Amino acid sequence: MNSSVVGMTKPDPAIYGLACSRLGVLPWQALLIDDSRSNVEGAQKAGLQALQYTNEDTIAQAAQLLGLHGSRDKEGSRPCSSVALR
C-alpha cells in the first residue's frame, strides 16, 4: 500500500487495519516487523503482533511467533510472506 494513495501513514493504527482488510486477514493473524518503535506501537494498538527489529534475533523471534522454527519446505526454502507499507 502506498500511504500517499490511501491518505494514511504509519504509525496510524488505521493503516494497519486497512492493510489487514485488503489482505483478508484479522489483525491478530498479522505480524509487523519494523525498526521504528512508534510503528510497532501503532501496529499493536491496531491488534497486530509486532516486533521491533533490533538485530538478527528479531527474525528468530518472528519465526517462533509464526511457528516456523527454522523449518524448510521440499525445495529447501523457508516459507515467507510479507506486505510492504510505505
PDB file of N, CA and C in Angstrom:
ATOM      1  N   MET A   1       0.849  -1.173   0.000  1.00  0.00           N
ATOM      2  CA  MET A   1       0.000   0.000   0.000  1.00  0.00           C
ATOM      3  C   MET A   1       0.888   1.227   0.000  1.00  0.00           C
ATOM      4  N   ASN A   2       0.492   2.172  -0.770  1.00  0.00           N
ATOM      5  CA  ASN A   2       1.212   3.432  -0.820  1.00  0.00           C
ATOM      6  C   ASN A   2       0.462   4.429   0.064  1.00  0.00           C
ATOM      7  N   SER A   3       1.128   4.930   1.094  1.00  0.00           N
ATOM      8  CA  SER A   3       0.461   5.808   2.055  1.00  0.00           C
ATOM      9  C   SER A   3      -0.076   7.080   1.410  1.00  0.00           C
ATOM     10  N   SER A   4       0.578   7.565   0.368  1.00  0.00           N
ATOM     11  CA  SER A   4       0.075   8.787  -0.283  1.00  0.00           C
ATOM     12  C   SER A   4      -1.227   8.523  -1.037  1.00  0.00           C
ATOM     13  N   VAL A   5      -1.452   7.291  -1.433  1.00  0.00           N
ATOM     14  CA  VAL A   5      -2.697   6.936  -2.127  1.00  0.00           C
ATOM     15  C   VAL A   5      -3.830   6.729  -1.127  1.00  0.00           C
ATOM     16  N   VAL A   6      -3.555   6.060  -0.010  1.00  0.00           N
ATOM     17  CA  VAL A   6      -4.605   5.774   0.970  1.00  0.00           C
ATOM     18  C   VAL A   6      -4.793   6.905   1.978  1.00  0.00           C
ATOM     19  N   GLY A   7      -3.882   7.861   2.002  1.00  0.00           N
ATOM     20  CA  GLY A   7      -4.026   9.016   2.892  1.00  0.00           C
ATOM     21  C   GLY A   7      -3.749   8.732   4.352  1.00  0.00           C
ATOM     22  N   MET A   8      -2.982   7.708   4.623  1.00  0.00           N
ATOM     23  CA  MET A   8      -2.607   7.355   5.995  1.00  0.00           C
ATOM     24  C   MET A   8      -1.145   6.944   5.995  1.00  0.00           C
ATOM     25  N   THR A   9      -0.502   7.099   7.139  1.00  0.00           N
ATOM     26  CA  THR A   9       0.883   6.664   7.276  1.00  0.00           C
ATOM     27  C   THR A   9       1.062   5.935   8.600  1.00  0.00           C
ATOM     28  N   LYS A  10       2.098   5.120   8.659  1.00  0.00           N
ATOM     29  CA  LYS A  10       2.477   4.524   9.937  1.00  0.00           C
ATOM     30  C   LYS A  10       2.936   5.674  10.827  1.00  0.00           C
ATOM     31  N   PRO A  11       2.645   5.688  12.074  1.00  0.00           N
ATOM     32  CA  PRO A  11       2.113   4.632  12.931  1.00  0.00           C
ATOM     33  C   PRO A  11       0.601   4.702  13.164  1.00  0.00           C
ATOM     34  N   ASP A  12      -0.154   5.410  12.334  1.00  0.00           N
ATOM     35  CA  ASP A  12      -1.604   5.477  12.493  1.00  0.00           C
ATOM     36  C   ASP A  12      -2.179   4.063  12.478  1.00  0.00           C
ATOM     37  N   PRO A  13      -2.829   3.628  13.562  1.00  0.00           N
ATOM     38  CA  PRO A  13      -3.369   2.274  13.601  1.00  0.00           C
ATOM     39  C   PRO A  13      -4.313   1.958  12.440  1.00  0.00           C
ATOM     40  N   ALA A  14      -4.950   2.967  11.873  1.00  0.00           N
ATOM     41  CA  ALA A  14      -5.899   2.737  10.774  1.00  0.00           C
ATOM     42  C   ALA A  14      -5.231   2.144   9.540  1.00  0.00           C
ATOM     43  N   ILE A  15      -3.979   2.483   9.279  1.00  0.00           N
ATOM     44  CA  ILE A  15      -3.314   1.938   8.091  1.00  0.00           C
ATOM     45  C   ILE A  15      -3.070   0.434   8.234  1.00  0.00           C
ATOM     46  N   TYR A  16      -2.830  -0.021   9.449  1.00  0.00           N
ATOM     47  CA  TYR A  16      -2.639  -1.449   9.675  1.00  0.00           C
ATOM     48  C   TYR A  16      -3.970  -2.192   9.504  1.00  0.00           C
ATOM     49  N   GLY A  17      -5.038  -1.588   9.993  1.00  0.00           N
ATOM     50  CA  GLY A  17      -6.367  -2.172   9.804  1.00  0.00           C
ATOM     51  C   GLY A  17      -6.727  -2.276   8.332  1.00  0.00           C
ATOM     52  N   LEU A  18      -6.407  -1.233   7.574  1.00  0.00           N
ATOM     53  CA  LEU A  18      -6.680  -1.244   6.144  1.00  0.00           C
ATOM     54  C   LEU A  18      -5.859  -2.333   5.447  1.00  0.00           C
ATOM     55  N   ALA A  19      -4.599  -2.457   5.813  1.00  0.00           N
ATOM     56  CA  ALA A  19      -3.743  -3.494   5.214  1.00  0.00           C
ATOM     57  C   ALA A  19      -4.319  -4.882   5.491  1.00  0.00           C
ATOM     58  N   CYS A  20      -4.730  -5.124   6.715  1.00  0.00           N
ATOM     59  CA  CYS A  20      -5.307  -6.422   7.068  1.00  0.00           C
ATOM     60  C   CYS A  20      -6.595  -6.671   6.284  1.00  0.00           C
ATOM     61  N   SER A  21      -7.414  -5.653   6.189  1.00  0.00           N
ATOM     62  CA  SER A  21      -8.659  -5.778   5.436  1.00  0.00           C
ATOM     63  C   SER A  21      -8.393  -6.140   3.985  1.00  0.00           C
ATOM     64  N   ARG A  22      -7.450  -5.460   3.369  1.00  0.00           N
ATOM     65  CA  ARG A  22      -7.122  -5.740   1.968  1.00  0.00           C
ATOM     66  C   ARG A  22      -6.522  -7.124   1.766  1.00  0.00           C
ATOM     67  N   LEU A  23      -5.839  -7.614   2.790  1.00  0.00           N
ATOM     68  CA  LEU A  23      -5.251  -8.956   2.708  1.00  0.00           C
ATOM     69  C   LEU A  23      -6.232 -10.056   3.094  1.00  0.00           C
ATOM     70  N   GLY A  24      -7.343  -9.653   3.698  1.00  0.00           N
ATOM     71  CA  GLY A  24      -8.325 -10.646   4.117  1.00  0.00           C
ATOM     72  C   GLY A  24      -7.916 -11.412   5.356  1.00  0.00           C
ATOM     73  N   VAL A  25      -7.160 -10.759   6.234  1.00  0.00           N
ATOM     74  CA  VAL A  25      -6.751 -11.386   7.490  1.00  0.00           C
ATOM     75  C   VAL A  25      -7.221 -10.534   8.660  1.00  0.00           C
ATOM     76  N   LEU A  26      -7.373 -11.170   9.794  1.00  0.00           N
ATOM     77  CA  LEU A  26      -7.684 -10.440  11.012  1.00  0.00           C
ATOM     78  C   LEU A  26      -6.385  -9.875  11.572  1.00  0.00           C
ATOM     79  N   PRO A  27      -6.458  -8.744  12.272  1.00  0.00           N
ATOM     80  CA  PRO A  27      -5.219  -8.138  12.787  1.00  0.00           C
ATOM     81  C   PRO A  27      -4.349  -9.093  13.596  1.00  0.00           C
ATOM     82  N   TRP A  28      -4.944  -9.926  14.435  1.00  0.00           N
ATOM     83  CA  TRP A  28      -4.138 -10.836  15.259  1.00  0.00           C
ATOM     84  C   TRP A  28      -3.431 -11.896  14.428  1.00  0.00           C
ATOM     85  N   GLN A  29      -3.813 -12.040  13.156  1.00  0.00           N
ATOM     86  CA  GLN A  29      -3.167 -13.004  12.272  1.00  0.00           C
ATOM     87  C   GLN A  29      -1.957 -12.400  11.553  1.00  0.00           C
ATOM     88  N   ALA A  30      -1.717 -11.111  11.753  1.00  0.00           N
ATOM     89  CA  ALA A  30      -0.640 -10.410  11.053  1.00  0.00           C
ATOM     90  C   ALA A  30       0.519 -10.121  11.998  1.00  0.00           C
ATOM     91  N   LEU A  31       1.696 -10.027  11.410  1.00  0.00           N
ATOM     92  CA  LEU A  31       2.899  -9.693  12.170  1.00  0.00           C
ATOM     93  C   LEU A  31       3.638  -8.585  11.441  1.00  0.00           C
ATOM     94  N   LEU A  32       3.905  -7.500  12.144  1.00  0.00           N
ATOM     95  CA  LEU A  32       4.708  -6.400  11.606  1.00  0.00           C
ATOM     96  C   LEU A  32       6.079  -6.449  12.256  1.00  0.00           C
ATOM     97  N   ILE A  33       7.099  -6.318  11.436  1.00  0.00           N
ATOM     98  CA  ILE A  33       8.469  -6.153  11.937  1.00  0.00           C
ATOM     99  C   ILE A  33       8.943  -4.816  11.405  1.00  0.00           C
ATOM    100  N   ASP A  34       9.341  -3.927  12.298  1.00  0.00           N
ATOM    101  CA  ASP A  34       9.745  -2.579  11.905  1.00  0.00           C
ATOM    102  C   ASP A  34      10.845  -2.118  12.848  1.00  0.00           C
ATOM    103  N   ASP A  35      11.735  -1.278  12.363  1.00  0.00           N
ATOM    104  CA  ASP A  35      12.801  -0.784  13.235  1.00  0.00           C
ATOM    105  C   ASP A  35      12.365   0.431  14.049  1.00  0.00           C
ATOM    106  N   SER A  36      11.200   0.963  13.766  1.00  0.00           N
ATOM    107  CA  SER A  36      10.696   2.134  14.488  1.00  0.00           C
ATOM    108  C   SER A  36       9.756   1.713  15.614  1.00  0.00           C
ATOM    109  N   ARG A  37      10.085   2.104  16.839  1.00  0.00           N
ATOM    110  CA  ARG A  37       9.254   1.762  17.999  1.00  0.00           C
ATOM    111  C   ARG A  37       7.843   2.312  17.835  1.00  0.00           C
ATOM    112  N   SER A  38       7.694   3.525  17.308  1.00  0.00           N
ATOM    113  CA  SER A  38       6.360   4.112  17.167  1.00  0.00           C
ATOM    114  C   SER A  38       5.515   3.325  16.164  1.00  0.00           C
ATOM    115  N   ASN A  39       6.132   2.791  15.112  1.00  0.00           N
ATOM    116  CA  ASN A  39       5.385   1.977  14.150  1.00  0.00           C
ATOM    117  C   ASN A  39       4.948   0.652  14.761  1.00  0.00           C
ATOM    118  N   VAL A  40       5.800   0.072  15.588  1.00  0.00           N
ATOM    119  CA  VAL A  40       5.460  -1.159  16.293  1.00  0.00           C
ATOM    120  C   VAL A  40       4.291  -0.898  17.241  1.00  0.00           C
ATOM    121  N   GLU A  41       4.345   0.195  17.981  1.00  0.00           N
ATOM    122  CA  GLU A  41       3.269   0.523  18.911  1.00  0.00           C
ATOM    123  C   GLU A  41       1.953   0.782  18.173  1.00  0.00           C
ATOM    124  N   GLY A  42       2.008   1.444  17.020  1.00  0.00           N
ATOM    125  CA  GLY A  42       0.812   1.676  16.217  1.00  0.00           C
ATOM    126  C   GLY A  42       0.186   0.369  15.763  1.00  0.00           C
ATOM    127  N   ALA A  43       1.023  -0.558  15.340  1.00  0.00           N
ATOM    128  CA  ALA A  43       0.527  -1.868  14.904  1.00  0.00           C
ATOM    129  C   ALA A  43      -0.108  -2.618  16.065  1.00  0.00           C
ATOM    130  N   GLN A  44       0.524  -2.553  17.226  1.00  0.00           N
ATOM    131  CA  GLN A  44      -0.027  -3.226  18.400  1.00  0.00           C
ATOM    132  C   GLN A  44      -1.367  -2.621  18.794  1.00  0.00           C
ATOM    133  N   LYS A  45      -1.505  -1.307  18.703  1.00  0.00           N
ATOM    134  CA  LYS A  45      -2.783  -0.651  19.001  1.00  0.00           C
ATOM    135  C   LYS A  45      -3.872  -1.112  18.045  1.00  0.00           C
ATOM    136  N   ALA A  46      -3.480  -1.470  16.824  1.00  0.00           N
ATOM    137  CA  ALA A  46      -4.432  -1.958  15.830  1.00  0.00           C
ATOM    138  C   ALA A  46      -4.709  -3.451  15.992  1.00  0.00           C
ATOM    139  N   GLY A  47      -4.051  -4.095  16.945  1.00  0.00           N
ATOM    140  CA  GLY A  47      -4.298  -5.505  17.225  1.00  0.00           C
ATOM    141  C   GLY A  47      -3.361  -6.485  16.545  1.00  0.00           C
ATOM    142  N   LEU A  48      -2.342  -5.982  15.858  1.00  0.00           N
ATOM    143  CA  LEU A  48      -1.379  -6.859  15.194  1.00  0.00           C
ATOM    144  C   LEU A  48      -0.327  -7.330  16.188  1.00  0.00           C
ATOM    145  N   GLN A  49       0.294  -8.449  15.871  1.00  0.00           N
ATOM    146  CA  GLN A  49       1.514  -8.832  16.547  1.00  0.00           C
ATOM    147  C   GLN A  49       2.598  -7.948  15.941  1.00  0.00           C
ATOM    148  N   ALA A  50       3.510  -7.470  16.738  1.00  0.00           N
ATOM    149  CA  ALA A  50       4.534  -6.581  16.206  1.00  0.00           C
ATOM    150  C   ALA A  50       5.824  -6.719  16.994  1.00  0.00           C
ATOM    151  N   LEU A  51       6.924  -6.684  16.254  1.00  0.00           N
ATOM    152  CA  LEU A  51       8.254  -6.752  16.852  1.00  0.00           C
ATOM    153  C   LEU A  51       9.084  -5.596  16.336  1.00  0.00           C
ATOM    154  N   GLN A  52       9.881  -5.028  17.225  1.00  0.00           N
ATOM    155  CA  GLN A  52      10.827  -4.008  16.790  1.00  0.00           C
ATOM    156  C   GLN A  52      12.110  -4.707  16.370  1.00  0.00           C
ATOM    157  N   TYR A  53      12.531  -4.453  15.127  1.00  0.00           N
ATOM    158  CA  TYR A  53      13.763  -5.060  14.641  1.00  0.00           C
ATOM    159  C   TYR A  53      14.949  -4.381  15.296  1.00  0.00           C
ATOM    160  N   THR A  54      15.771  -5.183  15.952  1.00  0.00           N
ATOM    161  CA  THR A  54      16.990  -4.647  16.562  1.00  0.00           C
ATOM    162  C   THR A  54      18.230  -5.375  16.049  1.00  0.00           C
ATOM    163  N   ASN A  55      18.075  -6.682  15.762  1.00  0.00           N
ATOM    164  CA  ASN A  55      19.181  -7.483  15.231  1.00  0.00           C
ATOM    165  C   ASN A  55      18.621  -8.805  14.709  1.00  0.00           C
ATOM    166  N   GLU A  56      19.505  -9.712  14.344  1.00  0.00           N
ATOM    167  CA  GLU A  56      19.077 -10.988  13.776  1.00  0.00           C
ATOM    168  C   GLU A  56      18.186 -11.792  14.727  1.00  0.00           C
ATOM    169  N   ASP A  57      18.328 -11.560  16.020  1.00  0.00           N
ATOM    170  CA  ASP A  57      17.491 -12.269  16.987  1.00  0.00           C
ATOM    171  C   ASP A  57      16.016 -11.967  16.777  1.00  0.00           C
ATOM    172  N   THR A  58      15.714 -10.798  16.241  1.00  0.00           N
ATOM    173  CA  THR A  58      14.327 -10.425  15.978  1.00  0.00           C
ATOM    174  C   THR A  58      13.707 -11.377  14.965  1.00  0.00           C
ATOM    175  N   ILE A  59      14.478 -11.787  13.972  1.00  0.00           N
ATOM    176  CA  ILE A  59      13.976 -12.707  12.968  1.00  0.00           C
ATOM    177  C   ILE A  59      13.678 -14.069  13.598  1.00  0.00           C
ATOM    178  N   ALA A  60      14.517 -14.499  14.517  1.00  0.00           N
ATOM    179  CA  ALA A  60      14.265 -15.757  15.232  1.00  0.00           C
ATOM    180  C   ALA A  60      12.981 -15.651  16.050  1.00  0.00           C
ATOM    181  N   GLN A  61      12.758 -14.509  16.692  1.00  0.00           N
ATOM    182  CA  GLN A  61      11.518 -14.283  17.443  1.00  0.00           C
ATOM    183  C   GLN A  61      10.316 -14.363  16.513  1.00  0.00           C
ATOM    184  N   ALA A  62      10.431 -13.745  15.339  1.00  0.00           N
ATOM    185  CA  ALA A  62       9.340 -13.755  14.367  1.00  0.00           C
ATOM    186  C   ALA A  62       9.042 -15.176  13.917  1.00  0.00           C
ATOM    187  N   ALA A  63      10.086 -15.945  13.627  1.00  0.00           N
ATOM    188  CA  ALA A  63       9.899 -17.334  13.198  1.00  0.00           C
ATOM    189  C   ALA A  63       9.186 -18.137  14.274  1.00  0.00           C
ATOM    190  N   GLN A  64       9.545 -17.898  15.514  1.00  0.00           N
ATOM    191  CA  GLN A  64       8.905 -18.603  16.619  1.00  0.00           C
ATOM    192  C   GLN A  64       7.430 -18.216  16.713  1.00  0.00           C
ATOM    193  N   LEU A  65       7.122 -16.916  16.608  1.00  0.00           N
ATOM    194  CA  LEU A  65       5.736 -16.462  16.638  1.00  0.00           C
ATOM    195  C   LEU A  65       4.916 -17.082  15.513  1.00  0.00           C
ATOM    196  N   LEU A  66       5.531 -17.229  14.356  1.00  0.00           N
ATOM    197  CA  LEU A  66       4.841 -17.772  13.186  1.00  0.00           C
ATOM    198  C   LEU A  66       4.848 -19.297  13.151  1.00  0.00           C
ATOM    199  N   GLY A  67       5.530 -19.905  14.096  1.00  0.00           N
ATOM    200  CA  GLY A  67       5.584 -21.357  14.158  1.00  0.00           C
ATOM    201  C   GLY A  67       6.497 -21.971  13.114  1.00  0.00           C
ATOM    202  N   LEU A  68       7.473 -21.196  12.619  1.00  0.00           N
ATOM    203  CA  LEU A  68       8.363 -21.700  11.575  1.00  0.00           C
ATOM    204  C   LEU A  68       9.526 -22.500  12.146  1.00  0.00           C
ATOM    205  N   HIS A  69      10.091 -22.048  13.222  1.00  0.00           N
ATOM    206  CA  HIS A  69      11.183 -22.748  13.908  1.00  0.00           C
ATOM    207  C   HIS A  69      12.246 -23.275  12.957  1.00  0.00           C
ATOM    208  N   GLY A  70      12.565 -22.511  11.931  1.00  0.00           N
ATOM    209  CA  GLY A  70      13.634 -22.897  11.020  1.00  0.00           C
ATOM    210  C   GLY A  70      13.270 -23.990  10.045  1.00  0.00           C
ATOM    211  N   SER A  71      11.976 -24.324   9.945  1.00  0.00           N
ATOM    212  CA  SER A  71      11.593 -25.395   9.028  1.00  0.00           C
ATOM    213  C   SER A  71      11.721 -24.949   7.576  1.00  0.00           C
ATOM    214  N   ARG A  72      11.945 -25.902   6.721  1.00  0.00           N
ATOM    215  CA  ARG A  72      12.090 -25.626   5.294  1.00  0.00           C
ATOM    216  C   ARG A  72      11.089 -26.466   4.520  1.00  0.00           C
ATOM    217  N   ASP A  73      10.677 -25.965   3.353  1.00  0.00           N
ATOM    218  CA  ASP A  73       9.776 -26.750   2.516  1.00  0.00           C
ATOM    219  C   ASP A  73      10.564 -27.762   1.692  1.00  0.00           C
ATOM    220  N   LYS A  74       9.881 -28.474   0.794  1.00  0.00           N
ATOM    221  CA  LYS A  74      10.514 -29.535  -0.002  1.00  0.00           C
ATOM    222  C   LYS A  74      11.711 -29.042  -0.798  1.00  0.00           C
ATOM    223  N   GLU A  75      11.626 -27.812  -1.317  1.00  0.00           N
ATOM    224  CA  GLU A  75      12.699 -27.274  -2.142  1.00  0.00           C
ATOM    225  C   GLU A  75      13.844 -26.701  -1.310  1.00  0.00           C
ATOM    226  N   GLY A  76      13.691 -26.702  -0.003  1.00  0.00           N
ATOM    227  CA  GLY A  76      14.756 -26.214   0.852  1.00  0.00           C
ATOM    228  C   GLY A  76      14.666 -24.740   1.185  1.00  0.00           C
ATOM    229  N   SER A  77      13.615 -24.075   0.725  1.00  0.00           N
ATOM    230  CA  SER A  77      13.484 -22.661   1.061  1.00  0.00           C
ATOM    231  C   SER A  77      12.520 -22.494   2.221  1.00  0.00           C
ATOM    232  N   ARG A  78      12.680 -21.401   2.907  1.00  0.00           N
ATOM    233  CA  ARG A  78      11.815 -21.132   4.048  1.00  0.00           C
ATOM    234  C   ARG A  78      10.567 -20.415   3.579  1.00  0.00           C
ATOM    235  N   PRO A  79       9.401 -20.763   4.145  1.00  0.00           N
ATOM    236  CA  PRO A  79       8.181 -20.059   3.768  1.00  0.00           C
ATOM    237  C   PRO A  79       8.255 -18.612   4.215  1.00  0.00           C
ATOM    238  N   CYS A  80       7.734 -17.739   3.387  1.00  0.00           N
ATOM    239  CA  CYS A  80       7.803 -16.320   3.697  1.00  0.00           C
ATOM    240  C   CYS A  80       6.620 -15.600   3.081  1.00  0.00           C
ATOM    241  N   SER A  81       6.079 -14.644   3.797  1.00  0.00           N
ATOM    242  CA  SER A  81       5.016 -13.796   3.276  1.00  0.00           C
ATOM    243  C   SER A  81       5.255 -12.404   3.820  1.00  0.00           C
ATOM    244  N   SER A  82       5.071 -11.407   3.007  1.00  0.00           N
ATOM    245  CA  SER A  82       5.300 -10.051   3.510  1.00  0.00           C
ATOM    246  C   SER A  82       4.386  -9.059   2.830  1.00  0.00           C
ATOM    247  N   VAL A  83       4.207  -7.948   3.500  1.00  0.00           N
ATOM    248  CA  VAL A  83       3.442  -6.831   2.969  1.00  0.00           C
ATOM    249  C   VAL A  83       4.257  -5.591   3.221  1.00  0.00           C
ATOM    250  N   ALA A  84       4.382  -4.755   2.248  1.00  0.00           N
ATOM    251  CA  ALA A  84       5.149  -3.522   2.415  1.00  0.00           C
ATOM    252  C   ALA A  84       4.195  -2.361   2.622  1.00  0.00           C
ATOM    253  N   LEU A  85       4.431  -1.609   3.669  1.00  0.00           N
ATOM    254  CA  LEU A  85       3.710  -0.362   3.920  1.00  0.00           C
ATOM    255  C   LEU A  85       4.694   0.768   3.781  1.00  0.00           C
ATOM    256  N   ARG A  86       4.381   1.725   2.956  1.00  0.00           N
ATOM    257  CA  ARG A  86       5.277   2.863   2.798  1.00  0.00           C
ATOM    258  C   ARG A  86       4.672   4.092   3.415  1.00  0.00           C
TER     259      ARG A  86
END
